Amino acid sequence: MMAILNRKTLEAAQLVAGTALLVLIGPPSAERGPSAAWALEPAYEPQQIARREYRHHGVRRSPSEDGANEEAPEDVNSASNSGALAAALASCEKDSNGTASLTLPGAKGAIRLDSCYRGREQFVCSLNTLLDEAKKLNSEYGHIIEAKYPAVGSVDAICRIRPDALSTDLTKAGTFAARFKDLRTEYDRRISCAMKIEQNLKQVNLGDMPHSADILKSMNDTLEADLKDVAATRQQIFDLNEKMQASQKAIVTIEKLRPTMCLSTSAPKPAESAEKPAD
């Protein structure tokens, strides 16, 4: 009889302990503050972070201490700069007086060049526009890379970063991602166009010209020369994007670490200059 009672008592104790454990490891509530579960979250892609920052009709919402949502205006430069690139490229087509119906002689009749190419004037103008946009991205957002967020290695370094600086740089990183996407698309279009024109030129026959082969080779060489600087800058901006992705992910992590480990007196006052993370 005593054995049965002891077994029932043990089972009851195990049930109570199990219930308590479930309460302890249950999903964290907003009232209990940050949880270590964020460490298991998958890595964010830049586009995902940008969507997170610009959801709710372009307004970024962040939870306040009382649980209410505070609205922060989005970076108005995002849409305006994207539109500025499109307008500048459209201006190249307008100012160059190019045509979408360029033809060259061929052995079996006229060879119509691909409609993406409207003359070298328009082509070079658009390439220069892309070069200018790449330089703007580097000058306007390079400071996020220079902050070396992925290089922080201590609680002290994390706590010395101002929360408003983190929020601002995260928003700008999202803007960079959107502008980089547009720039990459336009880069790829020009490179693809040049390849199509190169294929068109293979069908061209300048039989009436004594130096036909030399002229065609010179045309190809000219296109390649026009693209040379663009190809080099394209690689530089792609490298910048990789570093920006790393900085973006690091900022998201740091934002989660600060409320976990930092004191209210850790960050410098707004009047003080922002301290960059230590190497």
Protein backbone atom coordinates (compact mmCIF):
# COMPACT_ATOMS: atom_id res chain seq x y z
CA MET A 1 0.00 0.00 0.00
CA MET A 2 2.79 2.44 0.90
CA ALA A 3 4.57 1.57 -2.35
CA ILE A 4 1.47 2.48 -4.37
CA LEU A 5 1.12 5.80 -2.51
CA ASN A 6 4.79 6.61 -3.01
CA ARG A 7 4.50 5.88 -6.75
CA LYS A 8 1.41 8.11 -7.07
CA THR A 9 3.10 10.85 -5.09
CA LEU A 10 6.16 10.65 -7.38
CA GLU A 11 4.01 10.79 -10.53
CA ALA A 12 2.15 13.81 -9.21
CA ALA A 13 5.41 15.57 -8.42
CA GLN A 14 6.71 14.84 -11.93
CA LEU A 15 3.51 16.23 -13.44
CA VAL A 16 3.83 19.46 -11.43
CA ALA A 17 7.52 19.79 -12.39
CA GLY A 18 6.72 19.22 -16.06
CA THR A 19 4.02 21.89 -16.00
CA ALA A 20 6.41 24.37 -14.39
CA LEU A 21 9.04 23.61 -17.02
CA LEU A 22 6.56 24.26 -19.82
CA VAL A 23 5.74 27.62 -18.28
CA LEU A 24 9.44 28.52 -18.10
CA ILE A 25 10.27 27.58 -21.69
CA GLY A 26 7.00 28.72 -23.20
CA PRO A 27 6.91 31.46 -25.89
CA PRO A 28 8.26 34.77 -24.54
CA SER A 29 5.76 37.54 -24.03
CA ALA A 30 6.31 41.21 -24.71
CA GLU A 31 6.03 41.90 -20.97
CA ARG A 32 8.96 39.66 -20.06
CA GLY A 33 11.36 41.50 -22.36
CA PRO A 34 13.85 40.06 -24.89
CA SER A 35 14.41 36.34 -25.23
CA ALA A 36 17.40 34.26 -26.33
CA ALA A 37 15.19 32.65 -29.01
CA TRP A 38 16.38 35.31 -31.50
CA ALA A 39 19.69 33.45 -31.74
CA LEU A 40 17.90 30.66 -33.61
CA GLU A 41 16.34 32.95 -36.21
CA PRO A 42 17.48 32.43 -39.82
CA ALA A 43 19.79 35.00 -41.37
CA TYR A 44 17.95 37.87 -43.02
CA GLU A 45 18.50 38.75 -46.65
CA PRO A 46 18.79 42.50 -47.36
CA GLN A 47 15.44 42.52 -49.17
CA GLN A 48 13.77 40.91 -46.16
CA ILE A 49 15.20 43.52 -43.82
CA ALA A 50 14.21 46.29 -46.19
CA ARG A 51 10.65 44.95 -46.28
CA ARG A 52 10.64 44.81 -42.49
CA GLU A 53 11.74 48.43 -42.29
CA TYR A 54 9.32 49.72 -44.95
CA ARG A 55 6.20 47.72 -44.22
CA HIS A 56 2.89 49.34 -43.28
CA HIS A 57 2.82 51.72 -46.25
CA GLY A 58 6.37 52.97 -45.89
CA VAL A 59 6.26 53.54 -42.12
CA ARG A 60 8.64 51.68 -39.88
CA ARG A 61 7.06 50.64 -36.61
CA SER A 62 9.05 49.78 -33.53
CA PRO A 63 7.66 48.63 -30.18
CA SER A 64 7.91 51.20 -27.40
CA GLU A 65 8.38 50.41 -23.74
CA ASP A 66 4.65 50.55 -23.03
CA GLY A 67 3.92 48.09 -25.82
CA ALA A 68 2.45 50.66 -28.19
CA ASN A 69 3.71 51.02 -31.73
CA GLU A 70 5.55 54.21 -32.57
CA GLU A 71 5.66 55.35 -36.17
CA ALA A 72 8.87 56.60 -37.73
CA PRO A 73 8.83 58.21 -41.16
CA GLU A 74 10.64 56.31 -43.87
CA ASP A 75 13.69 57.66 -45.63
CA VAL A 76 12.07 59.81 -48.30
CA ASN A 77 15.25 59.58 -50.41
CA SER A 78 14.49 55.93 -51.25
CA ALA A 79 11.74 56.55 -53.77
CA SER A 80 13.10 59.87 -54.99
CA ASN A 81 16.57 58.47 -55.74
CA SER A 82 15.12 55.43 -57.50
CA GLY A 83 12.96 57.73 -59.59
CA ALA A 84 15.93 60.00 -60.23
CA LEU A 85 17.89 57.13 -61.80
CA ALA A 86 14.98 56.22 -64.07
CA ALA A 87 14.49 59.86 -65.04
CA ALA A 88 18.19 60.31 -65.84
CA LEU A 89 18.21 57.21 -68.03
CA ALA A 90 15.07 58.38 -69.82
CA SER A 91 16.72 61.75 -70.36
CA CYS A 92 19.59 60.02 -72.18
CA GLU A 93 17.16 58.59 -74.72
CA LYS A 94 15.46 61.94 -75.17
CA ASP A 95 18.60 64.05 -75.47
CA SER A 96 20.47 61.68 -77.78
CA ASN A 97 17.78 61.76 -80.50
CA GLY A 98 18.36 58.03 -80.86
CA THR A 99 16.11 55.71 -82.76
CA ALA A 100 14.89 52.20 -82.01
CA SER A 101 15.17 51.19 -85.67
CA LEU A 102 18.86 51.13 -86.52
CA THR A 103 19.89 48.96 -89.46
CA LEU A 104 23.15 47.94 -91.09
CA PRO A 105 23.75 46.18 -94.41
CA GLY A 106 23.95 42.39 -94.47
CA ALA A 107 24.65 39.71 -97.05
CA LYS A 108 20.92 38.92 -97.41
CA GLY A 109 19.45 42.33 -96.71
CA ALA A 110 19.34 44.88 -93.91
CA ILE A 111 20.30 43.75 -90.42
CA ARG A 112 18.11 45.38 -87.80
CA LEU A 113 19.99 46.05 -84.59
CA ASP A 114 18.28 45.08 -81.35
CA SER A 115 15.87 47.75 -80.14
CA CYS A 116 17.76 48.03 -76.83
CA TYR A 117 20.46 49.95 -78.71
CA ARG A 118 19.53 53.42 -79.93
CA GLY A 119 22.94 54.65 -80.97
CA ARG A 120 26.23 55.10 -79.19
CA GLU A 121 25.28 58.56 -77.92
CA GLN A 122 22.37 57.17 -75.90
CA PHE A 123 24.32 54.07 -74.89
CA VAL A 124 27.30 55.98 -73.48
CA CYS A 125 25.01 58.49 -71.77
CA SER A 126 23.20 55.69 -69.95
CA LEU A 127 26.50 54.09 -68.93
CA ASN A 128 27.72 57.39 -67.48
CA THR A 129 24.45 57.73 -65.57
CA LEU A 130 25.00 54.32 -64.00
CA LEU A 131 28.57 55.26 -63.09
CA ASP A 132 27.29 58.40 -61.36
CA GLU A 133 24.71 56.40 -59.39
CA ALA A 134 27.37 53.92 -58.29
CA LYS A 135 29.54 56.78 -57.01
CA LYS A 136 26.56 58.22 -55.11
CA LEU A 137 25.87 54.89 -53.42
CA ASN A 138 29.47 54.66 -52.29
CA SER A 139 29.62 58.23 -50.97
CA GLU A 140 26.19 58.27 -49.33
CA TYR A 141 26.32 54.85 -47.64
CA GLY A 142 30.02 54.09 -47.28
CA HIS A 143 29.99 55.32 -43.67
CA ILE A 144 27.88 52.29 -42.69
CA ILE A 145 30.69 50.03 -43.85
CA GLU A 146 33.25 52.22 -42.10
CA ALA A 147 31.36 51.82 -38.80
CA LYS A 148 32.51 48.16 -38.82
CA TYR A 149 29.42 46.79 -37.12
CA PRO A 150 30.34 43.15 -37.84
CA ALA A 151 33.67 43.70 -36.05
CA VAL A 152 32.28 44.44 -32.56
CA GLY A 153 33.68 41.97 -30.07
CA SER A 154 32.49 42.95 -26.60
CA VAL A 155 29.52 44.13 -24.59
CA ASP A 156 31.27 47.45 -23.98
CA ALA A 157 31.66 48.05 -27.71
CA ILE A 158 28.01 47.19 -28.33
CA CYS A 159 26.72 49.45 -25.55
CA ARG A 160 28.77 52.42 -26.77
CA ILE A 161 26.79 52.46 -30.04
CA ARG A 162 23.88 54.88 -29.86
CA PRO A 163 20.46 53.29 -30.51
CA ASP A 164 19.45 56.14 -32.81
CA ALA A 165 22.61 55.57 -34.88
CA LEU A 166 21.70 51.90 -35.24
CA SER A 167 18.15 52.71 -36.29
CA THR A 168 19.29 55.33 -38.79
CA ASP A 169 21.94 53.10 -40.37
CA LEU A 170 19.52 50.17 -40.59
CA THR A 171 17.01 52.33 -42.45
CA LYS A 172 19.73 53.63 -44.77
CA ALA A 173 20.95 50.09 -45.38
CA GLY A 174 17.44 49.19 -46.51
CA THR A 175 17.42 52.19 -48.84
CA PHE A 176 20.82 51.13 -50.21
CA ALA A 177 19.46 47.63 -50.92
CA ALA A 178 16.58 49.06 -52.98
CA ARG A 179 18.83 51.41 -54.95
CA PHE A 180 21.44 48.70 -55.50
CA LYS A 181 18.77 46.41 -56.90
CA ASP A 182 17.70 49.05 -59.43
CA LEU A 183 21.31 49.81 -60.37
CA ARG A 184 22.14 46.11 -60.82
CA THR A 185 19.11 45.66 -63.07
CA GLU A 186 20.16 48.57 -65.27
CA TYR A 187 23.78 47.36 -65.36
CA ASP A 188 22.66 43.93 -66.52
CA ARG A 189 20.44 45.44 -69.20
CA ARG A 190 23.33 47.37 -70.74
CA ILE A 191 25.67 44.40 -70.68
CA SER A 192 22.98 42.19 -72.21
CA CYS A 193 22.32 44.84 -74.86
CA ALA A 194 25.99 45.02 -75.79
CA MET A 195 26.08 41.24 -76.21
CA LYS A 196 23.04 41.38 -78.51
CA ILE A 197 24.62 44.08 -80.65
CA GLU A 198 27.80 42.04 -80.86
CA GLN A 199 25.75 39.17 -82.25
CA ASN A 200 24.05 41.53 -84.72
CA LEU A 201 27.41 42.78 -85.97
CA LYS A 202 28.44 39.24 -86.86
CA GLN A 203 25.74 39.28 -89.54
CA VAL A 204 26.76 42.64 -90.96
CA ASN A 205 28.38 42.69 -94.38
CA LEU A 206 30.18 45.84 -95.50
CA GLY A 207 31.13 44.44 -98.89
CA ASP A 208 31.32 47.89 -100.45
CA MET A 209 34.04 48.92 -97.97
CA PRO A 210 37.63 47.78 -98.73
CA HIS A 211 38.38 47.55 -95.00
CA SER A 212 35.12 45.93 -93.96
CA ALA A 213 36.72 43.51 -91.48
CA ASP A 214 38.73 46.27 -89.82
CA ILE A 215 35.66 48.49 -89.44
CA LEU A 216 33.60 45.72 -87.86
CA LYS A 217 36.41 44.84 -85.49
CA SER A 218 36.74 48.51 -84.55
CA MET A 219 33.01 48.68 -83.83
CA ASN A 220 33.26 45.72 -81.47
CA ASP A 221 36.35 47.15 -79.79
CA THR A 222 34.55 50.46 -79.28
CA LEU A 223 31.62 48.80 -77.54
CA GLU A 224 33.96 46.85 -75.29
CA ALA A 225 35.89 50.02 -74.42
CA ASP A 226 32.64 51.80 -73.52
CA LEU A 227 31.75 48.96 -71.15
CA LYS A 228 35.19 48.65 -69.58
CA ASP A 229 34.75 51.28 -66.85
CA VAL A 230 31.20 50.10 -66.21
CA ALA A 231 32.33 46.52 -65.66
CA ALA A 232 34.99 47.62 -63.15
CA THR A 233 32.57 49.87 -61.25
CA ARG A 234 29.93 47.16 -61.30
CA GLN A 235 32.31 44.83 -59.46
CA GLN A 236 33.13 47.53 -56.91
CA ILE A 237 29.47 48.19 -56.16
CA PHE A 238 28.82 44.44 -55.85
CA ASP A 239 31.63 44.23 -53.30
CA LEU A 240 30.09 47.17 -51.45
CA ASN A 241 26.74 45.39 -51.43
CA GLU A 242 28.27 42.28 -49.84
CA LYS A 243 29.77 44.41 -47.06
CA MET A 244 26.48 46.23 -46.64
CA GLN A 245 24.66 42.92 -46.20
CA ALA A 246 27.08 41.93 -43.46
CA SER A 247 26.66 45.32 -41.76
CA GLN A 248 22.88 45.08 -42.04
CA LYS A 249 22.75 41.68 -40.39
CA ALA A 250 25.15 42.83 -37.67
CA ILE A 251 22.97 45.87 -36.90
CA VAL A 252 19.90 43.65 -36.51
CA THR A 253 21.81 41.47 -34.03
CA ILE A 254 23.25 44.43 -32.12
CA GLU A 255 19.78 45.95 -31.77
CA LYS A 256 18.72 42.75 -30.02
CA LEU A 257 21.82 42.58 -27.83
CA ARG A 258 21.65 46.16 -26.52
CA PRO A 259 18.49 45.82 -24.37
CA THR A 260 19.83 42.51 -23.07
CA MET A 261 23.21 43.71 -21.82
CA CYS A 262 23.42 47.51 -21.83
CA LEU A 263 22.73 50.01 -19.06
CA SER A 264 20.78 53.19 -19.71
CA THR A 265 23.97 55.17 -19.07
CA SER A 266 26.06 53.13 -21.53
CA ALA A 267 25.38 55.09 -24.71
CA PRO A 268 26.86 58.59 -25.18
CA LYS A 269 24.53 61.56 -24.95
CA PRO A 270 23.08 62.89 -28.22
CA ALA A 271 25.31 65.98 -27.95
CA GLU A 272 28.41 63.80 -27.92
CA SER A 273 29.98 62.47 -31.08
CA ALA A 274 29.01 58.89 -31.91
CA GLU A 275 31.70 56.37 -31.10
CA LYS A 276 32.36 53.78 -33.71
CA PRO A 277 32.62 50.10 -32.77
CA ALA A 278 36.08 48.92 -31.90
CA ASP A 279 37.91 46.74 -34.39
